[in-house]
C-alpha atoms as a PDB file:
ATOM      1  CA  MET A   1     188.186 -32.126 198.368  1.00  0.00           C
ATOM      2  CA  ASN A   2     188.335 -31.826 194.584  1.00  0.00           C
ATOM      3  CA  ILE A   3     185.441 -30.071 192.837  1.00  0.00           C
ATOM      4  CA  SER A   4     184.509 -30.771 189.214  1.00  0.00           C
ATOM      5  CA  ILE A   5     182.938 -27.834 187.398  1.00  0.00           C
ATOM      6  CA  ILE A   6     181.114 -28.803 184.214  1.00  0.00           C
ATOM      7  CA  THR A   7     180.251 -26.214 181.566  1.00  0.00           C
ATOM      8  CA  ALA A   8     177.802 -26.949 178.753  1.00  0.00           C
ATOM      9  CA  ALA A   9     178.393 -24.564 175.854  1.00  0.00           C
ATOM     10  CA  LEU A  10     176.941 -23.939 172.413  1.00  0.00           C
ATOM     11  CA  ASN A  11     177.750 -20.816 170.420  1.00  0.00           C
ATOM     12  CA  ASN A  12     178.705 -18.789 173.507  1.00  0.00           C
ATOM     13  CA  LYS A  13     181.530 -16.823 171.908  1.00  0.00           C
ATOM     14  CA  GLU A  14     180.515 -13.551 173.571  1.00  0.00           C
ATOM     15  CA  THR A  15     180.171 -14.931 177.121  1.00  0.00           C
ATOM     16  CA  ILE A  16     182.311 -18.044 177.583  1.00  0.00           C
ATOM     17  CA  GLU A  17     185.469 -16.093 178.450  1.00  0.00           C
ATOM     18  CA  GLN A  18     183.765 -14.552 181.485  1.00  0.00           C
ATOM     19  CA  THR A  19     182.582 -18.010 182.534  1.00  0.00           C
ATOM     20  CA  ILE A  20     186.105 -19.420 182.319  1.00  0.00           C
ATOM     21  CA  THR A  21     187.679 -16.427 184.059  1.00  0.00           C
ATOM     22  CA  SER A  22     185.219 -16.586 186.955  1.00  0.00           C
ATOM     23  CA  ILE A  23     186.295 -20.194 187.524  1.00  0.00           C
ATOM     24  CA  SER A  24     190.039 -19.750 187.079  1.00  0.00           C
ATOM     25  CA  SER A  25     190.038 -16.766 189.474  1.00  0.00           C
ATOM     26  CA  GLN A  26     188.584 -18.756 192.385  1.00  0.00           C
ATOM     27  CA  VAL A  27     190.758 -18.621 195.493  1.00  0.00           C
ATOM     28  CA  TYR A  28     190.092 -22.316 196.120  1.00  0.00           C
ATOM     29  CA  LYS A  29     192.213 -24.063 193.520  1.00  0.00           C
ATOM     30  CA  ASN A  30     191.451 -27.741 194.059  1.00  0.00           C
ATOM     31  CA  PHE A  31     189.078 -28.066 191.118  1.00  0.00           C
ATOM     32  CA  GLU A  32     188.899 -29.312 187.538  1.00  0.00           C
ATOM     33  CA  HIS A  33     187.025 -27.539 184.764  1.00  0.00           C
ATOM     34  CA  ILE A  34     185.391 -29.607 182.018  1.00  0.00           C
ATOM     35  CA  ILE A  35     183.712 -28.033 178.990  1.00  0.00           C
ATOM     36  CA  ILE A  36     181.250 -29.990 176.863  1.00  0.00           C
ATOM     37  CA  ASP A  37     180.656 -28.037 173.660  1.00  0.00           C
ATOM     38  CA  GLY A  38     177.733 -29.049 171.463  1.00  0.00           C
ATOM     39  CA  GLY A  39     179.527 -28.276 168.221  1.00  0.00           C
ATOM     40  CA  SER A  40     179.772 -24.481 168.210  1.00  0.00           C
ATOM     41  CA  THR A  41     180.273 -22.718 164.878  1.00  0.00           C
ATOM     42  CA  ASP A  42     180.663 -19.105 166.024  1.00  0.00           C
ATOM     43  CA  GLY A  43     184.241 -19.135 167.305  1.00  0.00           C
ATOM     44  CA  THR A  44     183.439 -20.346 170.819  1.00  0.00           C
ATOM     45  CA  LEU A  45     186.125 -23.040 170.603  1.00  0.00           C
ATOM     46  CA  ASP A  46     188.801 -20.479 169.726  1.00  0.00           C
ATOM     47  CA  VAL A  47     187.887 -18.459 172.817  1.00  0.00           C
ATOM     48  CA  ILE A  48     187.950 -21.590 174.986  1.00  0.00           C
ATOM     49  CA  LYS A  49     191.353 -22.698 173.719  1.00  0.00           C
ATOM     50  CA  ASN A  50     192.838 -19.259 174.372  1.00  0.00           C
ATOM     51  CA  ASN A  51     191.582 -19.075 177.954  1.00  0.00           C
ATOM     52  CA  GLY A  52     191.905 -21.129 181.082  1.00  0.00           C
ATOM     53  CA  ASN A  53     193.522 -24.408 182.005  1.00  0.00           C
ATOM     54  CA  LEU A  54     190.939 -27.074 181.247  1.00  0.00           C
ATOM     55  CA  ALA A  55     190.971 -30.634 182.484  1.00  0.00           C
ATOM     56  CA  LYS A  56     188.930 -31.781 179.480  1.00  0.00           C
ATOM     57  CA  LEU A  57     187.270 -30.284 176.403  1.00  0.00           C
ATOM     58  CA  ILE A  58     184.889 -32.128 174.108  1.00  0.00           C
ATOM     59  CA  SER A  59     183.179 -30.616 171.086  1.00  0.00           C
ATOM     60  CA  GLU A  60     180.605 -32.796 169.341  1.00  0.00           C
ATOM     61  CA  PRO A  61     176.864 -32.845 168.681  1.00  0.00           C
ATOM     62  CA  ASP A  62     174.749 -33.882 171.634  1.00  0.00           C
ATOM     63  CA  LEU A  63     171.112 -34.502 172.486  1.00  0.00           C
ATOM     64  CA  GLY A  64     170.702 -31.267 174.412  1.00  0.00           C
ATOM     65  CA  MET A  65     172.046 -29.542 177.494  1.00  0.00           C
ATOM     66  CA  TYR A  66     171.263 -32.346 179.945  1.00  0.00           C
ATOM     67  CA  ASP A  67     172.926 -34.921 177.707  1.00  0.00           C
ATOM     68  CA  ALA A  68     175.980 -32.649 177.670  1.00  0.00           C
ATOM     69  CA  LEU A  69     175.956 -32.364 181.472  1.00  0.00           C
ATOM     70  CA  ASN A  70     175.737 -36.141 181.805  1.00  0.00           C
ATOM     71  CA  LYS A  71     178.773 -36.453 179.527  1.00  0.00           C
ATOM     72  CA  GLY A  72     180.591 -34.070 181.839  1.00  0.00           C
ATOM     73  CA  ILE A  73     179.629 -36.083 184.919  1.00  0.00           C
ATOM     74  CA  ASN A  74     180.971 -39.244 183.290  1.00  0.00           C
ATOM     75  CA  LEU A  75     184.276 -37.531 182.462  1.00  0.00           C
ATOM     76  CA  SER A  76     184.720 -35.873 185.847  1.00  0.00           C
ATOM     77  CA  SER A  77     186.842 -37.121 188.725  1.00  0.00           C
ATOM     78  CA  GLY A  78     186.018 -34.704 191.545  1.00  0.00           C
ATOM     79  CA  ASP A  79     184.510 -35.530 194.919  1.00  0.00           C
ATOM     80  CA  VAL A  80     181.882 -32.849 194.274  1.00  0.00           C
ATOM     81  CA  ILE A  81     180.154 -31.846 191.036  1.00  0.00           C
ATOM     82  CA  GLY A  82     178.838 -28.406 190.114  1.00  0.00           C
ATOM     83  CA  PHE A  83     177.689 -26.778 186.884  1.00  0.00           C
ATOM     84  CA  LEU A  84     178.365 -23.386 185.330  1.00  0.00           C
ATOM     85  CA  ASN A  85     177.022 -22.984 181.819  1.00  0.00           C
ATOM     86  CA  GLY A  86     178.554 -20.956 179.023  1.00  0.00           C
ATOM     87  CA  ASP A  87     176.630 -17.740 179.667  1.00  0.00           C
ATOM     88  CA  ASP A  88     176.781 -17.805 183.488  1.00  0.00           C
ATOM     89  CA  PHE A  89     179.549 -16.778 185.893  1.00  0.00           C
ATOM     90  CA  TYR A  90     180.419 -16.913 189.581  1.00  0.00           C
ATOM     91  CA  ALA A  91     179.397 -13.865 191.590  1.00  0.00           C
ATOM     92  CA  HIS A  92     182.789 -13.627 193.350  1.00  0.00           C
ATOM     93  CA  ASP A  93     186.067 -15.478 193.813  1.00  0.00           C
ATOM     94  CA  GLN A  94     185.103 -17.212 197.075  1.00  0.00           C
ATOM     95  CA  VAL A  95     182.329 -19.461 195.730  1.00  0.00           C
ATOM     96  CA  LEU A  96     184.253 -22.741 195.598  1.00  0.00           C
ATOM     97  CA  ARG A  97     185.933 -22.061 198.924  1.00  0.00           C
ATOM     98  CA  MET A  98     182.514 -21.541 200.533  1.00  0.00           C
ATOM     99  CA  VAL A  99     181.170 -24.717 198.946  1.00  0.00           C
ATOM    100  CA  ARG A 100     184.132 -26.701 200.236  1.00  0.00           C
ATOM    101  CA  ASP A 101     183.761 -25.272 203.746  1.00  0.00           C
ATOM    102  CA  VAL A 102     180.036 -26.014 203.963  1.00  0.00           C
ATOM    103  CA  LEU A 103     180.311 -29.562 202.644  1.00  0.00           C
ATOM    104  CA  GLU A 104     183.196 -30.403 204.948  1.00  0.00           C
ATOM    105  CA  ASN A 105     182.115 -28.553 208.088  1.00  0.00           C
ATOM    106  CA  HIS A 106     178.451 -29.572 207.935  1.00  0.00           C
ATOM    107  CA  ASP A 107     179.115 -33.068 206.570  1.00  0.00           C
ATOM    108  CA  VAL A 108     176.254 -32.890 204.053  1.00  0.00           C
ATOM    109  CA  ASP A 109     175.685 -34.439 200.623  1.00  0.00           C
ATOM    110  CA  SER A 110     174.979 -31.156 198.847  1.00  0.00           C
ATOM    111  CA  CYS A 111     174.656 -27.408 199.147  1.00  0.00           C
ATOM    112  CA  TYR A 112     173.148 -24.468 197.253  1.00  0.00           C
ATOM    113  CA  GLY A 113     172.879 -20.685 197.426  1.00  0.00           C
ATOM    114  CA  ASP A 114     171.227 -17.670 195.815  1.00  0.00           C
ATOM    115  CA  LEU A 115     171.192 -16.656 192.168  1.00  0.00           C
ATOM    116  CA  GLN A 116     170.798 -13.408 190.266  1.00  0.00           C
ATOM    117  CA  TYR A 117     169.477 -13.100 186.716  1.00  0.00           C
ATOM    118  CA  VAL A 118     171.330 -10.252 185.040  1.00  0.00           C
ATOM    119  CA  TRP A 119     170.945  -8.278 181.843  1.00  0.00           C
ATOM    120  CA  ASN A 120     172.670  -9.762 178.794  1.00  0.00           C
ATOM    121  CA  HIS A 121     174.585  -6.628 177.826  1.00  0.00           C
ATOM    122  CA  ASN A 122     175.037  -5.152 181.297  1.00  0.00           C
ATOM    123  CA  THR A 123     175.686  -7.815 183.919  1.00  0.00           C
ATOM    124  CA  ASN A 124     175.607  -5.202 186.688  1.00  0.00           C
ATOM    125  CA  LYS A 125     171.868  -4.805 186.081  1.00  0.00           C
ATOM    126  CA  VAL A 126     169.849  -7.362 188.068  1.00  0.00           C
ATOM    127  CA  ILE A 127     166.596  -8.504 186.455  1.00  0.00           C
ATOM    128  CA  ARG A 128     165.581 -11.113 189.015  1.00  0.00           C
ATOM    129  CA  TYR A 129     167.014 -12.062 192.381  1.00  0.00           C
ATOM    130  CA  TRP A 130     166.347 -15.653 193.427  1.00  0.00           C
ATOM    131  CA  LYS A 131     166.702 -15.527 197.184  1.00  0.00           C
ATOM    132  CA  SER A 132     166.469 -19.103 198.409  1.00  0.00           C
ATOM    133  CA  SER A 133     166.048 -20.434 201.947  1.00  0.00           C
ATOM    134  CA  PRO A 134     166.994 -23.432 204.117  1.00  0.00           C
ATOM    135  CA  TYR A 135     165.479 -26.694 202.989  1.00  0.00           C
ATOM    136  CA  ALA A 136     163.090 -28.872 204.961  1.00  0.00           C
ATOM    137  CA  GLN A 137     161.345 -32.044 203.844  1.00  0.00           C
ATOM    138  CA  GLY A 138     158.088 -31.252 202.057  1.00  0.00           C
ATOM    139  CA  LYS A 139     158.988 -27.766 200.821  1.00  0.00           C
ATOM    140  CA  PHE A 140     158.852 -28.889 197.193  1.00  0.00           C
ATOM    141  CA  LYS A 141     155.097 -29.462 197.604  1.00  0.00           C
ATOM    142  CA  HIS A 142     154.705 -25.771 198.338  1.00  0.00           C
ATOM    143  CA  GLY A 143     156.458 -24.728 195.125  1.00  0.00           C
ATOM    144  CA  TRP A 144     159.964 -24.416 196.568  1.00  0.00           C
ATOM    145  CA  MET A 145     163.123 -25.475 194.764  1.00  0.00           C
ATOM    146  CA  PRO A 146     166.766 -24.360 195.000  1.00  0.00           C
ATOM    147  CA  PRO A 147     168.393 -22.576 192.041  1.00  0.00           C
ATOM    148  CA  HIS A 148     169.897 -25.502 190.159  1.00  0.00           C
ATOM    149  CA  PRO A 149     173.031 -23.660 188.899  1.00  0.00           C
ATOM    150  CA  THR A 150     174.030 -23.178 192.557  1.00  0.00           C
ATOM    151  CA  PHE A 151     173.453 -26.845 193.469  1.00  0.00           C
ATOM    152  CA  PHE A 152     176.700 -28.681 194.317  1.00  0.00           C
ATOM    153  CA  VAL A 153     176.397 -32.427 194.973  1.00  0.00           C
ATOM    154  CA  LYS A 154     178.857 -35.102 196.029  1.00  0.00           C
ATOM    155  CA  ARG A 155     179.811 -37.584 193.320  1.00  0.00           C
ATOM    156  CA  GLU A 156     178.610 -40.558 195.352  1.00  0.00           C
ATOM    157  CA  ILE A 157     175.040 -39.244 195.139  1.00  0.00           C
ATOM    158  CA  TYR A 158     175.095 -39.300 191.330  1.00  0.00           C
ATOM    159  CA  GLU A 159     176.599 -42.777 191.428  1.00  0.00           C
ATOM    160  CA  LYS A 160     173.888 -43.982 193.791  1.00  0.00           C
ATOM    161  CA  TYR A 161     170.775 -42.188 192.506  1.00  0.00           C
ATOM    162  CA  GLY A 162     171.502 -41.451 188.862  1.00  0.00           C
ATOM    163  CA  GLN A 163     172.187 -38.509 186.558  1.00  0.00           C
ATOM    164  CA  PHE A 164     169.892 -36.193 184.585  1.00  0.00           C
ATOM    165  CA  ASN A 165     166.866 -37.900 183.072  1.00  0.00           C
ATOM    166  CA  THR A 166     167.089 -36.835 179.425  1.00  0.00           C
ATOM    167  CA  ASP A 167     163.434 -37.746 178.838  1.00  0.00           C
ATOM    168  CA  PHE A 168     162.891 -34.278 180.308  1.00  0.00           C
ATOM    169  CA  ARG A 169     163.761 -31.681 177.671  1.00  0.00           C
ATOM    170  CA  ILE A 170     163.461 -28.582 179.876  1.00  0.00           C
ATOM    171  CA  ALA A 171     162.916 -29.653 183.489  1.00  0.00           C
ATOM    172  CA  ALA A 172     165.561 -32.357 183.994  1.00  0.00           C
ATOM    173  CA  ASP A 173     167.235 -30.151 186.607  1.00  0.00           C
ATOM    174  CA  TYR A 174     163.982 -29.921 188.598  1.00  0.00           C
ATOM    175  CA  GLU A 175     163.431 -33.677 188.318  1.00  0.00           C
ATOM    176  CA  LEU A 176     166.963 -34.390 189.532  1.00  0.00           C
ATOM    177  CA  MET A 177     166.695 -32.111 192.575  1.00  0.00           C
ATOM    178  CA  LEU A 178     163.237 -33.473 193.401  1.00  0.00           C
ATOM    179  CA  ARG A 179     164.593 -37.016 193.158  1.00  0.00           C
ATOM    180  CA  PHE A 180     167.661 -36.304 195.282  1.00  0.00           C
ATOM    181  CA  LEU A 181     166.082 -34.151 197.992  1.00  0.00           C
ATOM    182  CA  GLU A 182     162.485 -35.353 198.275  1.00  0.00           C
ATOM    183  CA  LYS A 183     162.615 -38.988 197.165  1.00  0.00           C
ATOM    184  CA  TYR A 184     166.009 -40.061 198.459  1.00  0.00           C
ATOM    185  CA  LYS A 185     166.264 -37.403 201.166  1.00  0.00           C
ATOM    186  CA  ILE A 186     169.915 -36.528 200.708  1.00  0.00           C
ATOM    187  CA  SER A 187     171.255 -33.961 203.169  1.00  0.00           C
ATOM    188  CA  THR A 188     171.853 -30.383 202.098  1.00  0.00           C
ATOM    189  CA  SER A 189     172.869 -26.966 203.423  1.00  0.00           C
ATOM    190  CA  TYR A 190     171.942 -23.454 202.315  1.00  0.00           C
ATOM    191  CA  ILE A 191     174.611 -20.802 201.697  1.00  0.00           C
ATOM    192  CA  PRO A 192     172.823 -17.420 202.082  1.00  0.00           C
ATOM    193  CA  GLU A 193     174.927 -15.663 199.455  1.00  0.00           C
ATOM    194  CA  VAL A 194     174.642 -14.963 195.740  1.00  0.00           C
ATOM    195  CA  LEU A 195     176.848 -17.637 194.192  1.00  0.00           C
ATOM    196  CA  ILE A 196     176.033 -17.380 190.487  1.00  0.00           C
ATOM    197  CA  LYS A 197     174.893 -14.737 188.038  1.00  0.00           C
ATOM    198  CA  MET A 198     172.931 -15.916 185.031  1.00  0.00           C
ATOM    199  CA  ARG A 199     172.180 -13.934 181.917  1.00  0.00           C
ATOM    200  CA  VAL A 200     168.462 -13.730 181.115  1.00  0.00           C
ATOM    201  CA  GLY A 201     167.066 -15.946 178.399  1.00  0.00           C
ATOM    202  CA  GLY A 202     167.224 -19.456 179.866  1.00  0.00           C
ATOM    203  CA  MET A 203     165.728 -22.324 177.873  1.00  0.00           C
ATOM    204  CA  SER A 204     162.603 -22.673 180.015  1.00  0.00           C
ATOM    205  CA  ASN A 205     161.761 -18.954 179.802  1.00  0.00           C
ATOM    206  CA  ARG A 206     162.287 -18.228 176.112  1.00  0.00           C
ATOM    207  CA  SER A 207     158.618 -18.518 175.146  1.00  0.00           C
ATOM    208  CA  LEU A 208     155.157 -19.067 176.570  1.00  0.00           C
ATOM    209  CA  ARG A 209     155.155 -22.477 174.883  1.00  0.00           C
ATOM    210  CA  ASN A 210     158.317 -23.474 176.743  1.00  0.00           C
ATOM    211  CA  LEU A 211     156.752 -22.384 180.029  1.00  0.00           C
ATOM    212  CA  PHE A 212     153.808 -24.702 179.372  1.00  0.00           C
ATOM    213  CA  ILE A 213     156.154 -27.548 178.455  1.00  0.00           C
ATOM    214  CA  LYS A 214     158.192 -26.955 181.599  1.00  0.00           C
ATOM    215  CA  SER A 215     155.067 -26.934 183.779  1.00  0.00           C
ATOM    216  CA  TYR A 216     153.984 -30.248 182.285  1.00  0.00           C
ATOM    217  CA  GLU A 217     157.455 -31.704 182.839  1.00  0.00           C
ATOM    218  CA  ASP A 218     157.483 -30.414 186.419  1.00  0.00           C
ATOM    219  CA  TYR A 219     154.206 -32.271 187.016  1.00  0.00           C
ATOM    220  CA  LYS A 220     155.597 -35.375 185.293  1.00  0.00           C
ATOM    221  CA  ALA A 221     158.676 -35.277 187.576  1.00  0.00           C
ATOM    222  CA  TRP A 222     156.480 -36.033 190.590  1.00  0.00           C
ATOM    223  CA  LYS A 223     154.842 -38.961 188.817  1.00  0.00           C
ATOM    224  CA  VAL A 224     158.019 -40.687 187.601  1.00  0.00           C
ATOM    225  CA  ASN A 225     159.382 -40.545 191.158  1.00  0.00           C
ATOM    226  CA  ASP A 226     156.161 -41.858 192.730  1.00  0.00           C
ATOM    227  CA  LEU A 227     155.797 -38.692 194.783  1.00  0.00           C
ATOM    228  CA  ARG A 228     152.545 -36.976 195.668  1.00  0.00           C
ATOM    229  CA  GLY A 229     152.472 -33.516 194.142  1.00  0.00           C
ATOM    230  CA  GLY A 230     149.513 -32.169 192.191  1.00  0.00           C
ATOM    231  CA  LEU A 231     148.759 -29.277 189.905  1.00  0.00           C
ATOM    232  CA  HIS A 232     148.600 -26.951 192.924  1.00  0.00           C
ATOM    233  CA  THR A 233     152.299 -27.644 193.501  1.00  0.00           C
ATOM    234  CA  ILE A 234     153.177 -26.554 189.957  1.00  0.00           C
ATOM    235  CA  LEU A 235     150.992 -23.455 190.292  1.00  0.00           C
ATOM    236  CA  LEU A 236     152.735 -22.507 193.536  1.00  0.00           C
ATOM    237  CA  LYS A 237     156.115 -23.146 191.901  1.00  0.00           C
ATOM    238  CA  ASN A 238     155.341 -20.718 189.073  1.00  0.00           C
ATOM    239  CA  LEU A 239     153.881 -18.120 191.438  1.00  0.00           C
ATOM    240  CA  SER A 240     156.979 -18.306 193.638  1.00  0.00           C
ATOM    241  CA  LYS A 241     158.967 -16.631 190.847  1.00  0.00           C
ATOM    242  CA  VAL A 242     156.944 -13.402 190.978  1.00  0.00           C
ATOM    243  CA  PRO A 243     158.692 -11.884 194.048  1.00  0.00           C
ATOM    244  CA  GLN A 244     162.048 -12.396 192.324  1.00  0.00           C
ATOM    245  CA  PHE A 245     161.244  -9.526 189.954  1.00  0.00           C
ATOM    246  CA  PHE A 246     160.619  -7.146 192.874  1.00  0.00           C
ATOM    247  CA  ASN A 247     163.677  -8.189 194.854  1.00  0.00           C
ATOM    248  CA  LYS A 248     166.299  -7.029 192.364  1.00  0.00           C
ATOM    249  CA  TYR A 249     168.668  -5.198 194.687  1.00  0.00           C
ATOM    250  CA  HIS A 250     172.342  -6.035 194.822  1.00  0.00           C
ATOM    251  CA  VAL A 251     173.418  -8.000 197.848  1.00  0.00           C
ATOM    252  CA  LYS A 252     176.775  -7.191 199.377  1.00  0.00           C
ATOM    253  CA  VAL A 253     178.647 -10.460 199.587  1.00  0.00           C
ATOM    254  CA  LYS A 254     179.688 -11.230 203.150  1.00  0.00           C
ATOM    255  CA  VAL A 255     182.675 -13.440 202.693  1.00  0.00           C
ATOM    256  CA  GLU A 256     184.498 -14.860 205.687  1.00  0.00           C
ATOM    257  CA  VAL A 257     188.154 -15.417 204.886  1.00  0.00           C
END
């Protein structure tokens, strides 16, 4: 099973090396790493070219992060597709091995795990801990969603049900997972481990205005997919984030070798 890892980057000079290293150090080596750079001007490309063994690198203007990720999907050749953006990194060197094992042993279309938001200048400091849970049909209506950076999906699903909808500026990841899991009911499995660490400051959380835009787009995602989810669903989704700030402890990774 070959896994394609797609990284969207833009002016990530200070963080992209850690992203690349966390991929190249994975014990499971049957993967390709593709970087889609949006035209960085801060030296990011120099760092990229001096690190790692990339399958493909493109640097050109794009229409935003989700456009970049779609470019990566189109360029990829793996059986499974995952994403790791230019300021994120894998929590340990067993992530891809665990993904492979779950997808093969459970014969599912996708899998996901837990995520930690960490401090920009001290990645050992956890700001939020997104502890997920096993999925069941209907959980999205109660505000649930998996952490998208940890969401690995088989290529055939993208070919059958489409890529990111770039009409969504902030919530295209939510729309895609809603479409895959709730509308088309693809199978999935939960890995109860922290798979990815993300530096704080994501696009949807940078301002109160962006939070309002994201909430509107979350609501719109239900409508474009002809699914029944009202404003209460979006309220529950936003409220579900609150416990993440109180659950900031480090989790000892239990890796079975």
